[in-house]
Amino acid sequence: LCIPVDGAMDFIPLETILTCESPAASSEWDGEARPGLYFGFDIARKRDLSVIWIVELLEDGTKLTRGIITMRAMPFHEQKRIASGVAAVCERGCIDATGIGANLAEDLGLEFPGKIEAVEFNGANKERMAIAVKTAMESRQIVLPESLAVRRSLQAVKRFTGATGNIRFDAARTEAGHADEFWALALANVATQKSANYIAAADCTVNSRTVMGNLMEANF
């Protein structure tokens, strides 16, 4: 049994979303290379949307949305082609490496060594990413395009507390997706960090291995 916090209130209120919207942001990706570009890629194949969210990290730390690419029921080779074009002009990207996303994340990592981080969507990582997005939005460090689809996706995420006190973040699956834009934004937000190790190393898994384990192997 999972009970939504505060009677199923949105994790990110509409008011917060609206205060982050600006005409300066764009959901149309122009493909232009510019300094400070980062992206997040939430991967799906049939039921949900695949979404790539591109941001520009400004000097004051604000993340300005430069484009949102949505792909519905698109073959993986086509998704990879589009993602490769984005990765080529970005400094770094974080990719959903859970389940069906693992192979695509691995292939992009090989194509762009040092620029791609595969992130496993376990409970701990999802909680930290969700809270990080909300915190950034509350301080207006994320600039969103004026988009009904984006509003719906960001509002779709709920925080649930189970009978044992465990917390999870999830959204209802609808024809519009499964909060796919939200998670792509969360990944893009992580990508702007110099290292995704902002998540406690002991808790964060990347491709089913802990970050601490990766660091130990690299150094010893």
N, C-alpha and C. Protein backbone atom coordinates (compact mmCIF):
# COMPACT_ATOMS: atom_id res chain seq x y z
N LEU A 1 0.84 -1.20 0.00
CA LEU A 1 0.00 0.00 0.00
C LEU A 1 0.87 1.24 0.00
N CYS A 2 0.61 2.15 -0.93
CA CYS A 2 1.34 3.41 -1.00
C CYS A 2 0.34 4.56 -0.95
N ILE A 3 0.60 5.51 -0.07
CA ILE A 3 -0.30 6.63 0.11
C ILE A 3 0.37 7.90 -0.38
N PRO A 4 -0.21 8.61 -1.35
CA PRO A 4 0.39 9.85 -1.83
C PRO A 4 0.47 10.88 -0.72
N VAL A 5 1.57 11.64 -0.68
CA VAL A 5 1.73 12.67 0.33
C VAL A 5 0.66 13.74 0.13
N ASP A 6 0.09 14.22 1.26
CA ASP A 6 -0.89 15.30 1.24
C ASP A 6 -2.05 15.02 0.27
N GLY A 7 -2.56 13.79 0.31
CA GLY A 7 -3.73 13.47 -0.50
C GLY A 7 -3.48 13.60 -1.99
N ALA A 8 -2.37 13.10 -2.47
CA ALA A 8 -2.03 13.07 -3.90
C ALA A 8 -1.80 14.46 -4.47
N MET A 9 -1.23 15.35 -3.68
CA MET A 9 -0.85 16.65 -4.21
C MET A 9 0.32 16.49 -5.17
N ASP A 10 0.40 17.36 -6.15
CA ASP A 10 1.51 17.31 -7.09
C ASP A 10 2.81 17.53 -6.34
N PHE A 11 3.84 16.78 -6.73
CA PHE A 11 5.15 16.96 -6.10
C PHE A 11 5.69 18.36 -6.39
N ILE A 12 5.51 18.82 -7.63
CA ILE A 12 5.88 20.19 -7.99
C ILE A 12 4.59 20.94 -8.33
N PRO A 13 4.19 21.91 -7.52
CA PRO A 13 2.94 22.63 -7.76
C PRO A 13 2.98 23.42 -9.07
N LEU A 14 1.80 23.64 -9.63
CA LEU A 14 1.70 24.40 -10.87
C LEU A 14 2.28 25.80 -10.71
N GLU A 15 2.08 26.41 -9.57
CA GLU A 15 2.61 27.76 -9.35
C GLU A 15 4.12 27.79 -9.52
N THR A 16 4.80 26.77 -9.01
CA THR A 16 6.27 26.70 -9.14
C THR A 16 6.67 26.57 -10.60
N ILE A 17 5.94 25.74 -11.33
CA ILE A 17 6.23 25.55 -12.75
C ILE A 17 6.06 26.86 -13.51
N LEU A 18 4.97 27.55 -13.26
CA LEU A 18 4.68 28.78 -13.98
C LEU A 18 5.72 29.86 -13.72
N THR A 19 6.25 29.91 -12.49
CA THR A 19 7.26 30.93 -12.18
C THR A 19 8.58 30.66 -12.90
N CYS A 20 8.76 29.41 -13.38
CA CYS A 20 10.00 29.05 -14.08
C CYS A 20 9.88 29.22 -15.59
N GLU A 21 8.68 29.47 -16.09
CA GLU A 21 8.49 29.60 -17.53
C GLU A 21 8.96 30.96 -18.02
N SER A 22 9.51 30.96 -19.23
CA SER A 22 10.00 32.20 -19.82
C SER A 22 10.06 32.05 -21.34
N PRO A 23 9.78 33.14 -22.07
CA PRO A 23 9.93 33.10 -23.53
C PRO A 23 11.38 32.87 -23.96
N ALA A 24 12.32 33.08 -23.04
CA ALA A 24 13.73 32.85 -23.36
C ALA A 24 14.04 31.38 -23.57
N ALA A 25 13.23 30.50 -22.96
CA ALA A 25 13.41 29.06 -23.11
C ALA A 25 12.68 28.59 -24.36
N SER A 26 13.11 27.44 -24.88
CA SER A 26 12.50 26.92 -26.10
C SER A 26 12.37 25.41 -26.03
N SER A 27 11.24 24.91 -26.52
CA SER A 27 11.07 23.46 -26.65
C SER A 27 11.51 22.97 -28.02
N GLU A 28 11.82 23.91 -28.92
CA GLU A 28 12.28 23.56 -30.27
C GLU A 28 13.81 23.55 -30.30
N TRP A 29 14.37 22.40 -30.53
CA TRP A 29 15.83 22.26 -30.55
C TRP A 29 16.37 22.68 -31.91
N ASP A 30 17.28 23.67 -31.91
CA ASP A 30 17.81 24.18 -33.18
C ASP A 30 19.07 23.47 -33.63
N GLY A 31 19.63 22.61 -32.78
CA GLY A 31 20.81 21.83 -33.15
C GLY A 31 22.11 22.61 -33.17
N GLU A 32 22.08 23.87 -32.76
CA GLU A 32 23.28 24.70 -32.82
C GLU A 32 24.21 24.41 -31.65
N ALA A 33 25.50 24.35 -31.96
CA ALA A 33 26.51 24.18 -30.92
C ALA A 33 26.74 25.51 -30.24
N ARG A 34 26.80 25.49 -28.92
CA ARG A 34 27.12 26.67 -28.13
C ARG A 34 27.71 26.19 -26.81
N PRO A 35 28.50 27.01 -26.15
CA PRO A 35 29.12 26.57 -24.88
C PRO A 35 28.06 26.27 -23.83
N GLY A 36 28.38 25.30 -22.97
CA GLY A 36 27.54 25.05 -21.82
C GLY A 36 26.28 24.25 -22.06
N LEU A 37 26.25 23.42 -23.11
CA LEU A 37 25.07 22.59 -23.37
C LEU A 37 25.19 21.23 -22.69
N TYR A 38 24.08 20.80 -22.09
CA TYR A 38 24.01 19.50 -21.42
C TYR A 38 22.65 18.88 -21.76
N PHE A 39 22.56 17.55 -21.64
CA PHE A 39 21.28 16.93 -21.96
C PHE A 39 20.98 15.74 -21.06
N GLY A 40 19.70 15.43 -20.96
CA GLY A 40 19.22 14.23 -20.30
C GLY A 40 18.36 13.45 -21.27
N PHE A 41 18.45 12.13 -21.22
CA PHE A 41 17.76 11.27 -22.18
C PHE A 41 17.01 10.18 -21.42
N ASP A 42 15.68 10.28 -21.40
CA ASP A 42 14.83 9.25 -20.80
C ASP A 42 14.35 8.35 -21.93
N ILE A 43 14.65 7.06 -21.82
CA ILE A 43 14.46 6.15 -22.94
C ILE A 43 13.22 5.26 -22.78
N ALA A 44 12.48 5.13 -23.87
CA ALA A 44 11.34 4.22 -23.95
C ALA A 44 11.29 3.67 -25.37
N ARG A 45 10.36 2.76 -25.61
CA ARG A 45 10.26 2.20 -26.96
C ARG A 45 8.82 2.12 -27.46
N LYS A 46 7.92 1.58 -26.66
CA LYS A 46 6.56 1.36 -27.16
C LYS A 46 5.51 2.14 -26.38
N ARG A 47 5.42 1.91 -25.07
CA ARG A 47 4.31 2.50 -24.31
C ARG A 47 4.52 3.98 -24.01
N ASP A 48 5.74 4.36 -23.63
CA ASP A 48 6.00 5.73 -23.19
C ASP A 48 6.79 6.50 -24.25
N LEU A 49 7.05 7.76 -23.95
CA LEU A 49 7.84 8.59 -24.84
C LEU A 49 9.32 8.51 -24.49
N SER A 50 10.17 8.55 -25.50
CA SER A 50 11.58 8.84 -25.28
C SER A 50 11.74 10.35 -25.38
N VAL A 51 12.46 10.93 -24.44
CA VAL A 51 12.60 12.39 -24.42
C VAL A 51 14.05 12.77 -24.17
N ILE A 52 14.54 13.69 -25.00
CA ILE A 52 15.85 14.30 -24.78
C ILE A 52 15.62 15.76 -24.41
N TRP A 53 16.14 16.16 -23.26
CA TRP A 53 15.98 17.55 -22.79
C TRP A 53 17.35 18.21 -22.80
N ILE A 54 17.47 19.30 -23.52
CA ILE A 54 18.75 20.00 -23.64
C ILE A 54 18.69 21.33 -22.89
N VAL A 55 19.69 21.60 -22.07
CA VAL A 55 19.77 22.86 -21.34
C VAL A 55 21.11 23.53 -21.60
N GLU A 56 21.12 24.83 -21.44
CA GLU A 56 22.36 25.60 -21.46
C GLU A 56 22.63 26.08 -20.04
N LEU A 57 23.80 25.76 -19.52
CA LEU A 57 24.18 26.20 -18.18
C LEU A 57 24.76 27.60 -18.27
N LEU A 58 24.05 28.57 -17.74
CA LEU A 58 24.48 29.96 -17.80
C LEU A 58 25.49 30.27 -16.70
N GLU A 59 26.13 31.42 -16.79
CA GLU A 59 27.19 31.77 -15.85
C GLU A 59 26.71 31.84 -14.40
N ASP A 60 25.45 32.20 -14.21
CA ASP A 60 24.93 32.29 -12.84
C ASP A 60 24.39 30.97 -12.31
N GLY A 61 24.58 29.88 -13.08
CA GLY A 61 24.13 28.57 -12.64
C GLY A 61 22.74 28.20 -13.08
N THR A 62 22.05 29.12 -13.75
CA THR A 62 20.71 28.84 -14.26
C THR A 62 20.78 27.88 -15.45
N LYS A 63 19.82 26.96 -15.50
CA LYS A 63 19.74 26.02 -16.62
C LYS A 63 18.61 26.45 -17.54
N LEU A 64 18.96 26.96 -18.69
CA LEU A 64 18.00 27.46 -19.67
C LEU A 64 17.66 26.35 -20.66
N THR A 65 16.39 26.01 -20.77
CA THR A 65 15.98 24.97 -21.71
C THR A 65 16.18 25.44 -23.14
N ARG A 66 16.97 24.67 -23.90
CA ARG A 66 17.25 25.01 -25.30
C ARG A 66 16.49 24.12 -26.28
N GLY A 67 15.94 23.02 -25.79
CA GLY A 67 15.18 22.15 -26.69
C GLY A 67 14.69 20.91 -25.98
N ILE A 68 13.56 20.39 -26.45
CA ILE A 68 13.00 19.14 -25.93
C ILE A 68 12.61 18.30 -27.14
N ILE A 69 13.22 17.14 -27.25
CA ILE A 69 12.94 16.25 -28.38
C ILE A 69 12.14 15.06 -27.86
N THR A 70 10.94 14.87 -28.40
CA THR A 70 10.11 13.74 -28.00
C THR A 70 10.01 12.74 -29.14
N MET A 71 10.08 11.47 -28.79
CA MET A 71 10.07 10.39 -29.78
C MET A 71 9.08 9.32 -29.32
N ARG A 72 8.09 9.03 -30.12
CA ARG A 72 7.09 8.03 -29.76
C ARG A 72 7.24 6.79 -30.64
N ALA A 73 7.38 5.63 -29.99
CA ALA A 73 7.47 4.35 -30.70
C ALA A 73 8.53 4.37 -31.79
N MET A 74 9.62 5.05 -31.53
CA MET A 74 10.69 5.16 -32.53
C MET A 74 11.71 4.03 -32.36
N PRO A 75 12.12 3.37 -33.43
CA PRO A 75 13.13 2.32 -33.33
C PRO A 75 14.40 2.84 -32.67
N PHE A 76 15.09 1.95 -31.96
CA PHE A 76 16.26 2.37 -31.21
C PHE A 76 17.35 2.96 -32.09
N HIS A 77 17.53 2.43 -33.30
CA HIS A 77 18.60 2.96 -34.14
C HIS A 77 18.32 4.40 -34.55
N GLU A 78 17.04 4.75 -34.68
CA GLU A 78 16.69 6.13 -34.98
C GLU A 78 16.88 7.02 -33.75
N GLN A 79 16.53 6.49 -32.59
CA GLN A 79 16.76 7.25 -31.36
C GLN A 79 18.25 7.52 -31.17
N LYS A 80 19.06 6.51 -31.45
CA LYS A 80 20.50 6.68 -31.30
C LYS A 80 21.04 7.74 -32.26
N ARG A 81 20.53 7.74 -33.48
CA ARG A 81 20.97 8.74 -34.46
C ARG A 81 20.67 10.16 -33.98
N ILE A 82 19.48 10.36 -33.45
CA ILE A 82 19.09 11.68 -32.96
C ILE A 82 19.91 12.05 -31.72
N ALA A 83 20.05 11.09 -30.81
CA ALA A 83 20.81 11.36 -29.58
C ALA A 83 22.27 11.64 -29.89
N SER A 84 22.82 10.98 -30.90
CA SER A 84 24.21 11.22 -31.28
C SER A 84 24.41 12.65 -31.77
N GLY A 85 23.42 13.15 -32.52
CA GLY A 85 23.50 14.52 -32.99
C GLY A 85 23.49 15.51 -31.85
N VAL A 86 22.71 15.21 -30.81
CA VAL A 86 22.67 16.08 -29.63
C VAL A 86 23.98 15.98 -28.85
N ALA A 87 24.43 14.76 -28.60
CA ALA A 87 25.65 14.56 -27.82
C ALA A 87 26.86 15.23 -28.46
N ALA A 88 26.87 15.28 -29.79
CA ALA A 88 28.01 15.85 -30.50
C ALA A 88 28.23 17.32 -30.19
N VAL A 89 27.16 18.03 -29.82
CA VAL A 89 27.29 19.47 -29.56
C VAL A 89 27.15 19.80 -28.08
N CYS A 90 27.02 18.78 -27.23
CA CYS A 90 26.89 19.00 -25.79
C CYS A 90 28.17 18.62 -25.06
N GLU A 91 28.34 19.20 -23.89
CA GLU A 91 29.52 18.90 -23.08
C GLU A 91 29.36 17.60 -22.31
N ARG A 92 28.12 17.27 -21.99
CA ARG A 92 27.88 16.08 -21.17
C ARG A 92 26.41 15.71 -21.23
N GLY A 93 26.14 14.41 -21.07
CA GLY A 93 24.76 13.95 -21.03
C GLY A 93 24.60 12.81 -20.06
N CYS A 94 23.43 12.75 -19.41
CA CYS A 94 23.09 11.63 -18.54
C CYS A 94 21.92 10.88 -19.16
N ILE A 95 22.04 9.56 -19.20
CA ILE A 95 21.07 8.74 -19.93
C ILE A 95 20.49 7.66 -19.01
N ASP A 96 19.19 7.48 -19.13
CA ASP A 96 18.49 6.42 -18.43
C ASP A 96 19.02 5.06 -18.91
N ALA A 97 19.70 4.36 -18.01
CA ALA A 97 20.30 3.08 -18.37
C ALA A 97 19.57 1.92 -17.72
N THR A 98 18.30 2.12 -17.44
CA THR A 98 17.50 1.09 -16.79
C THR A 98 16.83 0.21 -17.84
N GLY A 99 16.96 -1.08 -17.70
CA GLY A 99 16.26 -2.00 -18.60
C GLY A 99 16.61 -1.79 -20.06
N ILE A 100 15.60 -1.42 -20.86
CA ILE A 100 15.79 -1.29 -22.30
C ILE A 100 16.75 -0.16 -22.67
N GLY A 101 17.02 0.76 -21.75
CA GLY A 101 17.92 1.86 -22.06
C GLY A 101 19.38 1.51 -21.94
N ALA A 102 19.70 0.36 -21.33
CA ALA A 102 21.08 0.02 -21.03
C ALA A 102 21.96 -0.06 -22.29
N ASN A 103 21.48 -0.75 -23.33
CA ASN A 103 22.29 -0.91 -24.53
C ASN A 103 22.52 0.42 -25.25
N LEU A 104 21.47 1.24 -25.31
CA LEU A 104 21.60 2.53 -25.98
C LEU A 104 22.55 3.44 -25.22
N ALA A 105 22.46 3.42 -23.90
CA ALA A 105 23.38 4.21 -23.08
C ALA A 105 24.82 3.74 -23.27
N GLU A 106 25.00 2.44 -23.36
CA GLU A 106 26.35 1.89 -23.55
C GLU A 106 26.91 2.27 -24.92
N ASP A 107 26.08 2.16 -25.95
CA ASP A 107 26.53 2.51 -27.30
C ASP A 107 26.92 3.98 -27.41
N LEU A 108 26.12 4.86 -26.82
CA LEU A 108 26.43 6.29 -26.86
C LEU A 108 27.68 6.60 -26.04
N GLY A 109 27.86 5.85 -24.95
CA GLY A 109 29.06 6.03 -24.15
C GLY A 109 30.33 5.66 -24.91
N LEU A 110 30.23 4.64 -25.73
CA LEU A 110 31.37 4.24 -26.55
C LEU A 110 31.63 5.24 -27.68
N GLU A 111 30.55 5.79 -28.22
CA GLU A 111 30.68 6.77 -29.30
C GLU A 111 31.22 8.11 -28.81
N PHE A 112 30.87 8.45 -27.57
CA PHE A 112 31.30 9.73 -27.00
C PHE A 112 31.95 9.50 -25.64
N PRO A 113 33.14 8.92 -25.62
CA PRO A 113 33.79 8.59 -24.35
C PRO A 113 34.04 9.83 -23.50
N GLY A 114 33.70 9.70 -22.22
CA GLY A 114 33.91 10.80 -21.29
C GLY A 114 32.78 11.82 -21.26
N LYS A 115 31.81 11.71 -22.18
CA LYS A 115 30.73 12.69 -22.25
C LYS A 115 29.39 12.12 -21.79
N ILE A 116 29.31 10.81 -21.66
CA ILE A 116 28.03 10.17 -21.36
C ILE A 116 28.10 9.46 -20.02
N GLU A 117 27.09 9.67 -19.19
CA GLU A 117 26.98 8.91 -17.94
C GLU A 117 25.66 8.15 -17.94
N ALA A 118 25.75 6.86 -17.75
CA ALA A 118 24.57 6.02 -17.65
C ALA A 118 24.07 6.03 -16.22
N VAL A 119 22.81 6.32 -16.03
CA VAL A 119 22.22 6.44 -14.69
C VAL A 119 21.11 5.41 -14.54
N GLU A 120 21.23 4.58 -13.54
CA GLU A 120 20.22 3.56 -13.29
C GLU A 120 19.08 4.18 -12.48
N PHE A 121 17.86 3.95 -12.92
CA PHE A 121 16.69 4.53 -12.26
C PHE A 121 16.24 3.65 -11.09
N ASN A 122 17.08 3.54 -10.07
CA ASN A 122 16.63 2.86 -8.86
C ASN A 122 15.94 3.88 -7.95
N GLY A 123 15.35 3.41 -6.87
CA GLY A 123 14.58 4.29 -6.00
C GLY A 123 15.38 5.44 -5.43
N ALA A 124 16.61 5.15 -5.00
CA ALA A 124 17.44 6.19 -4.39
C ALA A 124 17.81 7.28 -5.40
N ASN A 125 18.20 6.87 -6.60
CA ASN A 125 18.57 7.85 -7.62
C ASN A 125 17.37 8.69 -8.05
N LYS A 126 16.21 8.05 -8.22
CA LYS A 126 15.03 8.80 -8.63
C LYS A 126 14.63 9.82 -7.57
N GLU A 127 14.74 9.44 -6.31
CA GLU A 127 14.38 10.37 -5.24
C GLU A 127 15.32 11.58 -5.25
N ARG A 128 16.60 11.33 -5.36
CA ARG A 128 17.56 12.43 -5.34
C ARG A 128 17.40 13.34 -6.57
N MET A 129 17.18 12.74 -7.73
CA MET A 129 17.00 13.54 -8.94
C MET A 129 15.73 14.38 -8.86
N ALA A 130 14.64 13.78 -8.37
CA ALA A 130 13.37 14.50 -8.27
C ALA A 130 13.49 15.68 -7.31
N ILE A 131 14.10 15.45 -6.16
CA ILE A 131 14.26 16.52 -5.18
C ILE A 131 15.17 17.61 -5.72
N ALA A 132 16.21 17.22 -6.46
CA ALA A 132 17.14 18.21 -7.02
C ALA A 132 16.43 19.12 -8.02
N VAL A 133 15.55 18.54 -8.85
CA VAL A 133 14.79 19.35 -9.81
C VAL A 133 13.86 20.31 -9.08
N LYS A 134 13.14 19.81 -8.09
CA LYS A 134 12.22 20.66 -7.35
C LYS A 134 12.96 21.80 -6.66
N THR A 135 14.09 21.49 -6.03
CA THR A 135 14.87 22.52 -5.35
C THR A 135 15.35 23.58 -6.33
N ALA A 136 15.83 23.15 -7.50
CA ALA A 136 16.31 24.10 -8.51
C ALA A 136 15.17 24.97 -9.03
N MET A 137 13.99 24.38 -9.19
CA MET A 137 12.86 25.15 -9.67
C MET A 137 12.38 26.14 -8.62
N GLU A 138 12.40 25.73 -7.37
CA GLU A 138 11.96 26.64 -6.30
C GLU A 138 12.87 27.85 -6.19
N SER A 139 14.14 27.68 -6.56
CA SER A 139 15.08 28.81 -6.56
C SER A 139 15.20 29.44 -7.94
N ARG A 140 14.34 29.00 -8.85
CA ARG A 140 14.27 29.54 -10.22
C ARG A 140 15.60 29.39 -10.96
N GLN A 141 16.25 28.26 -10.75
CA GLN A 141 17.50 27.95 -11.44
C GLN A 141 17.27 27.12 -12.69
N ILE A 142 16.01 26.78 -12.96
CA ILE A 142 15.64 26.09 -14.19
C ILE A 142 14.65 26.97 -14.94
N VAL A 143 14.90 27.21 -16.22
CA VAL A 143 14.02 28.03 -17.04
C VAL A 143 13.31 27.12 -18.04
N LEU A 144 11.98 27.15 -17.99
CA LEU A 144 11.16 26.25 -18.78
C LEU A 144 10.48 26.98 -19.94
N PRO A 145 10.21 26.28 -21.03
CA PRO A 145 9.40 26.88 -22.10
C PRO A 145 7.94 26.92 -21.69
N GLU A 146 7.19 27.77 -22.33
CA GLU A 146 5.75 27.85 -22.05
C GLU A 146 5.06 26.74 -22.85
N SER A 147 4.83 25.61 -22.19
CA SER A 147 4.35 24.42 -22.88
C SER A 147 3.36 23.67 -22.00
N LEU A 148 2.17 23.42 -22.53
CA LEU A 148 1.17 22.66 -21.78
C LEU A 148 1.65 21.24 -21.54
N ALA A 149 2.31 20.64 -22.51
CA ALA A 149 2.79 19.26 -22.36
C ALA A 149 3.82 19.17 -21.23
N VAL A 150 4.70 20.17 -21.14
CA VAL A 150 5.71 20.18 -20.08
C VAL A 150 5.04 20.36 -18.72
N ARG A 151 4.08 21.26 -18.64
CA ARG A 151 3.37 21.48 -17.38
C ARG A 151 2.73 20.18 -16.90
N ARG A 152 2.06 19.50 -17.81
CA ARG A 152 1.37 18.26 -17.44
C ARG A 152 2.35 17.21 -16.96
N SER A 153 3.48 17.09 -17.64
CA SER A 153 4.46 16.08 -17.27
C SER A 153 5.08 16.37 -15.91
N LEU A 154 5.43 17.63 -15.66
CA LEU A 154 6.05 17.99 -14.38
C LEU A 154 5.06 17.85 -13.23
N GLN A 155 3.79 18.12 -13.51
CA GLN A 155 2.77 17.96 -12.48
C GLN A 155 2.38 16.51 -12.25
N ALA A 156 2.68 15.66 -13.19
CA ALA A 156 2.23 14.27 -13.11
C ALA A 156 2.93 13.48 -12.01
N VAL A 157 4.13 13.90 -11.65
CA VAL A 157 4.92 13.14 -10.68
C VAL A 157 4.36 13.32 -9.27
N LYS A 158 4.16 12.21 -8.60
CA LYS A 158 3.68 12.20 -7.23
C LYS A 158 4.72 11.54 -6.32
N ARG A 159 4.70 11.94 -5.08
CA ARG A 159 5.57 11.31 -4.09
C ARG A 159 4.70 10.41 -3.22
N PHE A 160 5.06 9.13 -3.16
CA PHE A 160 4.30 8.15 -2.42
C PHE A 160 5.11 7.65 -1.22
N THR A 161 4.45 7.46 -0.11
CA THR A 161 5.07 6.88 1.08
C THR A 161 4.39 5.56 1.40
N GLY A 162 5.17 4.49 1.42
CA GLY A 162 4.61 3.17 1.69
C GLY A 162 4.37 2.94 3.16
N ALA A 163 3.75 1.82 3.47
CA ALA A 163 3.42 1.49 4.85
C ALA A 163 4.67 1.37 5.73
N THR A 164 5.79 1.00 5.12
CA THR A 164 7.04 0.86 5.87
C THR A 164 7.85 2.15 5.90
N GLY A 165 7.32 3.21 5.30
CA GLY A 165 8.02 4.48 5.30
C GLY A 165 8.88 4.71 4.07
N ASN A 166 8.95 3.73 3.18
CA ASN A 166 9.73 3.91 1.96
C ASN A 166 9.06 4.93 1.05
N ILE A 167 9.88 5.75 0.40
CA ILE A 167 9.37 6.80 -0.48
C ILE A 167 9.68 6.43 -1.92
N ARG A 168 8.71 6.64 -2.80
CA ARG A 168 8.97 6.45 -4.22
C ARG A 168 8.30 7.57 -5.00
N PHE A 169 8.82 7.82 -6.19
CA PHE A 169 8.28 8.84 -7.07
C PHE A 169 7.75 8.15 -8.33
N ASP A 170 6.51 8.46 -8.69
CA ASP A 170 5.92 7.80 -9.85
C ASP A 170 4.83 8.69 -10.42
N ALA A 171 4.32 8.29 -11.57
CA ALA A 171 3.26 9.03 -12.24
C ALA A 171 2.34 8.05 -12.93
N ALA A 172 1.10 8.44 -13.11
CA ALA A 172 0.15 7.60 -13.84
C ALA A 172 0.57 7.52 -15.30
N ARG A 173 0.43 6.36 -15.89
CA ARG A 173 0.75 6.18 -17.30
C ARG A 173 -0.48 6.52 -18.13
N THR A 174 -0.35 7.51 -19.02
CA THR A 174 -1.46 7.95 -19.85
C THR A 174 -1.00 7.96 -21.31
N GLU A 175 -1.91 8.36 -22.20
CA GLU A 175 -1.54 8.47 -23.62
C GLU A 175 -0.47 9.53 -23.84
N ALA A 176 -0.38 10.49 -22.91
CA ALA A 176 0.62 11.55 -23.02
C ALA A 176 1.99 11.11 -22.52
N GLY A 177 2.06 9.90 -21.92
CA GLY A 177 3.34 9.41 -21.44
C GLY A 177 3.31 9.06 -19.97
N HIS A 178 4.49 9.00 -19.39
CA HIS A 178 4.68 8.56 -18.01
C HIS A 178 5.62 9.52 -17.31
N ALA A 179 5.29 10.84 -17.39
CA ALA A 179 6.15 11.90 -16.84
C ALA A 179 7.53 11.83 -17.47
N ASP A 180 7.58 11.49 -18.75
CA ASP A 180 8.86 11.28 -19.43
C ASP A 180 9.66 12.58 -19.54
N GLU A 181 8.99 13.71 -19.79
CA GLU A 181 9.70 14.99 -19.84
C GLU A 181 10.33 15.32 -18.49
N PHE A 182 9.61 15.00 -17.42
CA PHE A 182 10.14 15.28 -16.08
C PHE A 182 11.46 14.57 -15.86
N TRP A 183 11.52 13.29 -16.20
CA TRP A 183 12.73 12.52 -15.93
C TRP A 183 13.86 12.91 -16.88
N ALA A 184 13.53 13.31 -18.09
CA ALA A 184 14.57 13.82 -18.99
C ALA A 184 15.17 15.11 -18.44
N LEU A 185 14.32 15.98 -17.89
CA LEU A 185 14.81 17.20 -17.26
C LEU A 185 15.65 16.88 -16.04
N ALA A 186 15.21 15.91 -15.24
CA ALA A 186 15.98 15.51 -14.06
C ALA A 186 17.37 15.03 -14.45
N LEU A 187 17.45 14.26 -15.53
CA LEU A 187 18.75 13.78 -16.01
C LEU A 187 19.60 14.93 -16.53
N ALA A 188 18.98 15.87 -17.24
CA ALA A 188 19.73 17.03 -17.74
C ALA A 188 20.27 17.85 -16.57
N ASN A 189 19.47 17.97 -15.53
CA ASN A 189 19.91 18.71 -14.34
C ASN A 189 21.13 18.04 -13.71
N VAL A 190 21.10 16.72 -13.64
CA VAL A 190 22.26 15.96 -13.13
C VAL A 190 23.48 16.19 -14.02
N ALA A 191 23.26 16.20 -15.33
CA ALA A 191 24.37 16.33 -16.27
C ALA A 191 25.12 17.65 -16.09
N THR A 192 24.43 18.69 -15.62
CA THR A 192 25.10 19.98 -15.44
C THR A 192 26.05 19.99 -14.26
N GLN A 193 25.93 18.99 -13.40
CA GLN A 193 26.88 18.87 -12.31
C GLN A 193 28.22 18.40 -12.89
N LYS A 194 29.29 18.82 -12.28
CA LYS A 194 30.60 18.39 -12.78
C LYS A 194 30.75 16.88 -12.70
N SER A 195 30.07 16.30 -11.74
CA SER A 195 30.04 14.85 -11.64
C SER A 195 28.71 14.46 -11.03
N ALA A 196 28.14 13.38 -11.51
CA ALA A 196 26.89 12.91 -10.95
C ALA A 196 27.10 12.33 -9.56
N ASN A 197 28.35 12.37 -9.06
CA ASN A 197 28.63 11.89 -7.71
C ASN A 197 28.07 12.82 -6.65
N TYR A 198 27.25 13.81 -7.08
CA TYR A 198 26.52 14.60 -6.08
C TYR A 198 25.56 13.68 -5.33
N ILE A 199 25.26 12.53 -5.94
CA ILE A 199 24.54 11.47 -5.24
C ILE A 199 25.58 10.69 -4.44
N ALA A 200 25.24 10.42 -3.19
CA ALA A 200 26.19 9.72 -2.33
C ALA A 200 26.73 8.49 -3.03
N ALA A 201 28.07 8.38 -3.07
CA ALA A 201 28.71 7.31 -3.84
C ALA A 201 28.28 5.93 -3.38
N ALA A 202 28.05 5.79 -2.08
CA ALA A 202 27.68 4.48 -1.55
C ALA A 202 26.30 4.06 -1.99
N ASP A 203 25.47 5.03 -2.40
CA ASP A 203 24.09 4.72 -2.76
C ASP A 203 23.84 4.69 -4.25
N CYS A 204 24.71 5.33 -5.03
CA CYS A 204 24.45 5.51 -6.45
C CYS A 204 25.00 4.34 -7.24
N THR A 205 24.15 3.75 -8.10
CA THR A 205 24.60 2.68 -8.97
C THR A 205 24.61 3.15 -10.40
N VAL A 206 25.65 2.80 -11.12
CA VAL A 206 25.76 3.11 -12.54
C VAL A 206 26.03 1.81 -13.26
N ASN A 207 25.07 1.41 -14.12
CA ASN A 207 25.17 0.12 -14.80
C ASN A 207 25.37 -1.02 -13.82
N SER A 208 24.55 -0.98 -12.74
CA SER A 208 24.50 -2.04 -11.73
C SER A 208 25.78 -2.13 -10.90
N ARG A 209 26.60 -1.08 -10.93
CA ARG A 209 27.80 -1.05 -10.10
C ARG A 209 27.80 0.26 -9.36
N THR A 210 28.37 0.27 -8.18
CA THR A 210 28.38 1.52 -7.42
C THR A 210 29.45 2.45 -7.95
N VAL A 211 29.22 3.75 -7.79
CA VAL A 211 30.23 4.72 -8.18
C VAL A 211 31.50 4.50 -7.39
N MET A 212 31.35 4.17 -6.08
CA MET A 212 32.52 3.92 -5.25
C MET A 212 33.32 2.76 -5.81
N GLY A 213 32.62 1.72 -6.27
CA GLY A 213 33.32 0.58 -6.86
C GLY A 213 34.07 0.96 -8.10
N ASN A 214 33.46 1.82 -8.95
CA ASN A 214 34.13 2.29 -10.15
C ASN A 214 35.38 3.08 -9.81
N LEU A 215 35.28 3.95 -8.80
CA LEU A 215 36.43 4.77 -8.40
C LEU A 215 37.56 3.90 -7.85
N MET A 216 37.18 2.90 -7.06
CA MET A 216 38.22 2.02 -6.49
C MET A 216 38.94 1.26 -7.58
N GLU A 217 38.17 0.77 -8.57
CA GLU A 217 38.78 0.02 -9.66
C GLU A 217 39.71 0.93 -10.47
N ALA A 218 39.30 2.20 -10.63
CA ALA A 218 40.11 3.12 -11.42
C ALA A 218 41.40 3.53 -10.73
N ASN A 219 41.39 3.47 -9.38
CA ASN A 219 42.52 4.00 -8.63
C ASN A 219 43.39 2.92 -7.98
N PHE A 220 42.91 1.70 -8.00
CA PHE A 220 43.70 0.66 -7.32
C PHE A 220 43.88 -0.54 -8.24
